[in-house]
């Protein structure tokens, strides 16, 4: 029974060979011959569907954020609104860039990015907002950024070592969302 347990342990740790680090040559060979899988290698395949769902839900979130920030950009009014409205546009463009990166990663994993307007708000972690006063706009955007920060933080933990490229993408986007939240929080405190 111990011999069987040891063989299972060795299979779970393919990078270890007699106590030393070594590459899994069988996985490398499989990557050479699985061109139909695109960027997906056998290492990431078991989690592919779950990761694609996380990516597509994140894509929906970013697209809803683009729409919310754009609406706020065009409808902001008041003494402080010109400067803040321009920043709303900057945020919208950054969220759009996030969406593009997420869609590209979905395709790299052999999936299809879901841009369907019919399901965006249902799949999004953040909400759309049609506030008309500047303070409410800032607050709605801050709430959405806080939701995005929490969502990306959880996704980073979930993905972990299962797909390092996707995890790094989530980490990059998380950093931007934290900057947005800090800026929005500062504007709210100034009021």
Protein backbone atom coordinates (compact mmCIF):
# COMPACT_ATOMS: atom_id res chain seq x y z
CA UNK A 1 0.00 0.00 0.00
CA UNK A 2 2.87 2.40 0.71
CA UNK A 3 4.34 1.71 -2.72
CA UNK A 4 1.03 2.66 -4.37
CA UNK A 5 0.78 5.86 -2.29
CA UNK A 6 4.31 6.80 -3.36
CA UNK A 7 3.52 6.33 -7.04
CA UNK A 8 0.46 8.59 -6.69
CA UNK A 9 2.60 11.19 -4.97
CA UNK A 10 5.13 11.13 -7.81
CA UNK A 11 2.34 11.59 -10.37
CA UNK A 12 0.99 14.60 -8.48
CA UNK A 13 4.42 16.22 -8.45
CA UNK A 14 5.76 15.78 -12.01
CA UNK A 15 8.41 18.47 -11.56
CA UNK A 16 10.20 16.50 -8.86
CA UNK A 17 12.61 13.77 -9.86
CA UNK A 18 14.43 12.01 -7.02
CA UNK A 19 14.32 15.13 -4.88
CA UNK A 20 15.47 17.47 -7.66
CA UNK A 21 13.53 19.82 -9.85
CA UNK A 22 13.03 18.59 -13.39
CA UNK A 23 10.64 19.46 -16.16
CA UNK A 24 7.81 17.09 -17.06
CA UNK A 25 9.09 15.97 -20.48
CA UNK A 26 5.81 14.14 -21.31
CA UNK A 27 3.84 17.38 -20.87
CA UNK A 28 6.33 19.27 -23.02
CA UNK A 29 6.06 16.60 -25.72
CA UNK A 30 2.24 16.80 -25.57
CA UNK A 31 2.47 20.58 -26.07
CA UNK A 32 4.47 19.97 -29.25
CA UNK A 33 1.73 17.83 -30.74
CA UNK A 34 -1.53 19.45 -29.61
CA UNK A 35 -1.71 22.40 -31.99
CA UNK A 36 -5.51 22.20 -32.27
CA UNK A 37 -5.74 23.27 -28.61
CA UNK A 38 -4.18 26.69 -29.34
CA UNK A 39 -2.60 28.17 -26.22
CA UNK A 40 -4.10 25.48 -23.99
CA UNK A 41 -1.71 22.80 -22.84
CA UNK A 42 -2.67 19.65 -20.93
CA UNK A 43 -1.48 21.39 -17.74
CA UNK A 44 -4.29 23.96 -17.85
CA UNK A 45 -6.97 21.86 -19.55
CA UNK A 46 -8.75 20.50 -16.43
CA UNK A 47 -9.60 24.04 -15.28
CA UNK A 48 -10.23 25.53 -18.71
CA UNK A 49 -14.04 25.76 -18.50
CA UNK A 50 -13.99 27.29 -15.02
CA UNK A 51 -11.32 29.79 -16.02
CA UNK A 52 -13.23 30.72 -19.18
CA UNK A 53 -16.32 31.42 -17.07
CA UNK A 54 -14.32 33.64 -14.72
CA UNK A 55 -12.87 35.47 -17.72
CA UNK A 56 -16.24 35.92 -19.45
CA UNK A 57 -17.91 37.16 -16.25
CA UNK A 58 -15.01 39.59 -15.81
CA UNK A 59 -15.45 40.69 -19.42
CA UNK A 60 -19.12 41.43 -18.70
CA UNK A 61 -18.12 43.40 -15.60
CA UNK A 62 -15.61 45.52 -17.50
CA UNK A 63 -18.11 46.24 -20.29
CA UNK A 64 -20.80 47.32 -17.81
CA UNK A 65 -18.18 49.56 -16.16
CA UNK A 66 -17.33 51.12 -19.54
CA UNK A 67 -21.00 51.91 -20.11
CA UNK A 68 -21.48 53.35 -16.61
CA UNK A 69 -18.35 55.52 -16.80
CA UNK A 70 -19.25 56.73 -20.32
CA UNK A 71 -22.75 57.70 -19.20
CA UNK A 72 -21.32 59.56 -16.22
CA UNK A 73 -18.75 61.25 -18.45
CA UNK A 74 -21.44 62.66 -20.72
CA UNK A 75 -23.99 63.56 -18.04
CA UNK A 76 -21.85 64.94 -15.19
CA UNK A 77 -22.83 68.50 -14.25
CA UNK A 78 -21.70 70.99 -11.61
CA UNK A 79 -18.69 73.11 -10.74
CA UNK A 80 -16.26 70.21 -10.28
CA UNK A 81 -17.76 68.15 -13.09
CA UNK A 82 -15.52 69.05 -16.07
CA UNK A 83 -12.37 67.65 -14.44
CA UNK A 84 -14.15 64.63 -12.94
CA UNK A 85 -16.07 63.97 -16.16
CA UNK A 86 -12.77 63.80 -18.04
CA UNK A 87 -11.47 61.31 -15.46
CA UNK A 88 -14.64 59.24 -15.93
CA UNK A 89 -13.68 59.02 -19.61
CA UNK A 90 -10.13 57.98 -18.70
CA UNK A 91 -11.55 55.25 -16.46
CA UNK A 92 -13.95 54.13 -19.22
CA UNK A 93 -11.03 53.78 -21.63
CA UNK A 94 -8.99 51.82 -19.08
CA UNK A 95 -11.95 49.50 -18.41
CA UNK A 96 -12.30 49.03 -22.18
CA UNK A 97 -8.63 48.05 -22.38
CA UNK A 98 -9.24 45.52 -19.58
CA UNK A 99 -12.14 44.08 -21.58
CA UNK A 100 -9.92 43.75 -24.65
CA UNK A 101 -7.23 41.92 -22.67
CA UNK A 102 -9.81 39.57 -21.15
CA UNK A 103 -11.35 38.82 -24.56
CA UNK A 104 -7.90 38.12 -25.99
CA UNK A 105 -7.12 35.70 -23.16
CA UNK A 106 -10.45 33.91 -23.67
CA UNK A 107 -9.53 33.35 -27.32
CA UNK A 108 -6.02 32.18 -26.35
CA UNK A 109 -7.65 29.52 -24.19
CA UNK A 110 -9.81 28.36 -27.09
CA UNK A 111 -12.98 30.00 -25.80
CA UNK A 112 -15.34 32.59 -27.21
CA UNK A 113 -15.66 36.01 -25.58
CA UNK A 114 -19.30 36.70 -24.69
CA UNK A 115 -20.17 40.26 -25.71
CA UNK A 116 -23.93 39.58 -25.76
CA UNK A 117 -25.73 42.74 -24.59
CA UNK A 118 -28.68 40.61 -23.45
CA UNK A 119 -26.71 38.98 -20.63
CA UNK A 120 -24.08 41.60 -19.72
CA UNK A 121 -25.84 42.97 -16.65
CA UNK A 122 -26.71 39.46 -15.41
CA UNK A 123 -23.10 38.22 -15.67
CA UNK A 124 -21.46 41.41 -14.42
CA UNK A 125 -20.21 41.63 -10.85
CA UNK A 126 -20.75 45.42 -10.92
CA UNK A 127 -23.95 47.30 -11.63
CA UNK A 128 -24.86 49.92 -14.19
CA UNK A 129 -25.85 53.29 -12.74
CA UNK A 130 -27.83 56.19 -14.16
CA UNK A 131 -27.35 58.72 -11.37
CA UNK A 132 -27.76 62.35 -12.33
CA UNK A 133 -25.79 64.15 -9.61
CA UNK A 134 -22.00 64.10 -9.45
CA UNK A 135 -21.68 62.83 -5.86
CA UNK A 136 -23.97 59.86 -6.60
CA UNK A 137 -21.96 59.09 -9.74
CA UNK A 138 -18.71 59.07 -7.79
CA UNK A 139 -20.25 56.89 -5.09
CA UNK A 140 -21.70 54.41 -7.64
CA UNK A 141 -18.33 54.14 -9.38
CA UNK A 142 -16.51 53.67 -6.07
CA UNK A 143 -18.90 50.87 -5.11
CA UNK A 144 -18.35 49.22 -8.51
CA UNK A 145 -14.57 49.49 -8.13
CA UNK A 146 -14.75 47.97 -4.64
CA UNK A 147 -16.82 45.09 -6.05
CA UNK A 148 -14.27 44.65 -8.85
CA UNK A 149 -11.39 44.64 -6.33
CA UNK A 150 -13.10 41.97 -4.24
CA UNK A 151 -13.99 39.90 -7.33
CA UNK A 152 -10.50 40.04 -8.84
CA UNK A 153 -8.91 39.27 -5.46
CA UNK A 154 -11.05 36.15 -5.16
CA UNK A 155 -10.36 35.12 -8.76
CA UNK A 156 -6.61 35.48 -8.25
CA UNK A 157 -6.85 33.09 -5.32
CA UNK A 158 -9.11 30.66 -7.23
CA UNK A 159 -6.85 30.55 -10.29
CA UNK A 160 -3.63 30.39 -8.27
CA UNK A 161 -1.11 28.17 -10.03
CA UNK A 162 -3.73 26.58 -12.32
CA UNK A 163 -3.19 29.25 -15.00
CA UNK A 164 -0.39 31.66 -14.22
CA UNK A 165 -0.99 33.84 -17.30
CA UNK A 166 -4.64 34.42 -16.39
CA UNK A 167 -3.71 35.04 -12.77
CA UNK A 168 -1.21 37.70 -13.82
CA UNK A 169 -3.83 39.31 -16.06
CA UNK A 170 -6.23 39.46 -13.10
CA UNK A 171 -3.43 40.91 -10.93
CA UNK A 172 -2.70 43.65 -13.49
CA UNK A 173 -6.37 44.58 -13.75
CA UNK A 174 -6.73 44.51 -9.95
CA UNK A 175 -3.92 47.06 -9.65
CA UNK A 176 -5.75 49.45 -12.00
CA UNK A 177 -9.04 48.96 -10.15
CA UNK A 178 -7.32 49.80 -6.86
CA UNK A 179 -6.00 53.04 -8.39
CA UNK A 180 -9.49 53.92 -9.63
CA UNK A 181 -10.99 53.26 -6.20
CA UNK A 182 -8.37 55.41 -4.50
CA UNK A 183 -9.02 58.30 -6.87
CA UNK A 184 -12.81 58.03 -6.45
CA UNK A 185 -12.46 57.80 -2.69
CA UNK A 186 -10.39 61.01 -2.70
CA UNK A 187 -13.05 62.84 -4.75
CA UNK A 188 -15.78 61.67 -2.40
CA UNK A 189 -13.79 62.91 0.62
CA UNK A 190 -13.27 66.33 -1.03
CA UNK A 191 -17.00 66.93 -1.29
